[in-house]
Amino acid sequence: MSLELLSKLETKIQATLETIELLKMELEEEKQKGISLTEQNQQLSQDLNSWNEKVTGLVGLLNEEVS
């Protein structure tokens, strides 16, 4: 009976270790996605600032022409 319990315990521990390893891999993937999204967000913010500057410049030119 004790050997059977030890065998079940070993099986459960092995399954737990495999689950932990899978979760670690998933966590690493999610971290990489987060880094990628952060970089994409920074690029989009820079693009937005660039467009805002261009629009502001064009509105300024229109205001000069109207005045």
Protein backbone atom coordinates (compact mmCIF):
# COMPACT_ATOMS: atom_id res chain seq x y z
CA MET A 1 0.00 0.00 0.00
CA SER A 2 2.80 2.45 0.82
CA LEU A 3 4.48 1.86 -2.53
CA GLU A 4 1.20 2.52 -4.27
CA LEU A 5 0.77 5.81 -2.40
CA LEU A 6 4.34 6.80 -3.18
CA SER A 7 3.77 6.01 -6.83
CA LYS A 8 0.61 8.16 -6.89
CA LEU A 9 2.45 10.95 -5.14
CA GLU A 10 5.31 10.73 -7.63
CA THR A 11 2.83 10.89 -10.52
CA LYS A 12 1.12 13.94 -9.05
CA ILE A 13 4.45 15.67 -8.38
CA GLN A 14 5.59 15.00 -11.94
CA ALA A 15 2.33 16.35 -13.34
CA THR A 16 2.66 19.43 -11.14
CA LEU A 17 6.23 20.03 -12.32
CA GLU A 18 5.12 19.75 -15.94
CA THR A 19 2.30 22.20 -15.31
CA ILE A 20 4.71 24.64 -13.66
CA GLU A 21 7.05 24.39 -16.65
CA LEU A 22 4.20 25.05 -19.08
CA LEU A 23 3.06 28.02 -17.04
CA LYS A 24 6.60 29.41 -17.03
CA MET A 25 6.71 29.13 -20.81
CA GLU A 26 3.33 30.85 -21.14
CA LEU A 27 4.47 33.61 -18.79
CA GLU A 28 7.58 34.20 -20.89
CA GLU A 29 5.45 34.40 -24.04
CA GLU A 30 3.14 36.92 -22.38
CA LYS A 31 6.12 38.99 -21.23
CA GLN A 32 7.40 39.08 -24.81
CA LYS A 33 3.96 40.13 -26.05
CA GLY A 34 3.91 42.87 -23.41
CA ILE A 35 7.32 44.13 -24.54
CA SER A 36 6.16 44.09 -28.16
CA LEU A 37 2.97 45.98 -27.30
CA THR A 38 4.94 48.55 -25.30
CA GLU A 39 7.25 49.14 -28.27
CA GLN A 40 4.27 49.39 -30.61
CA ASN A 41 2.58 51.85 -28.26
CA GLN A 42 5.70 54.02 -28.17
CA GLN A 43 5.88 54.02 -31.97
CA LEU A 44 2.21 54.95 -32.27
CA SER A 45 2.66 57.73 -29.73
CA GLN A 46 5.56 59.11 -31.75
CA ASP A 47 3.48 58.90 -34.92
CA LEU A 48 0.62 60.72 -33.20
CA ASN A 49 2.93 63.48 -32.00
CA SER A 50 4.35 63.82 -35.50
CA TRP A 51 0.89 64.11 -37.02
CA ASN A 52 -0.15 66.64 -34.38
CA GLU A 53 2.87 68.78 -35.20
CA LYS A 54 2.12 68.59 -38.93
CA VAL A 55 -1.55 69.49 -38.44
CA THR A 56 -0.64 72.34 -36.10
CA GLY A 57 1.82 73.64 -38.71
CA LEU A 58 -0.75 73.43 -41.48
CA VAL A 59 -3.39 75.19 -39.38
CA GLY A 60 -0.82 77.88 -38.65
CA LEU A 61 -0.19 78.32 -42.37
CA LEU A 62 -3.93 78.58 -43.03
CA ASN A 63 -4.27 81.18 -40.30
CA GLU A 64 -1.45 83.23 -41.85
CA GLU A 65 -3.11 83.09 -45.27
CA VAL A 66 -6.49 84.13 -43.88
CA SER A 67 -5.02 87.03 -41.90
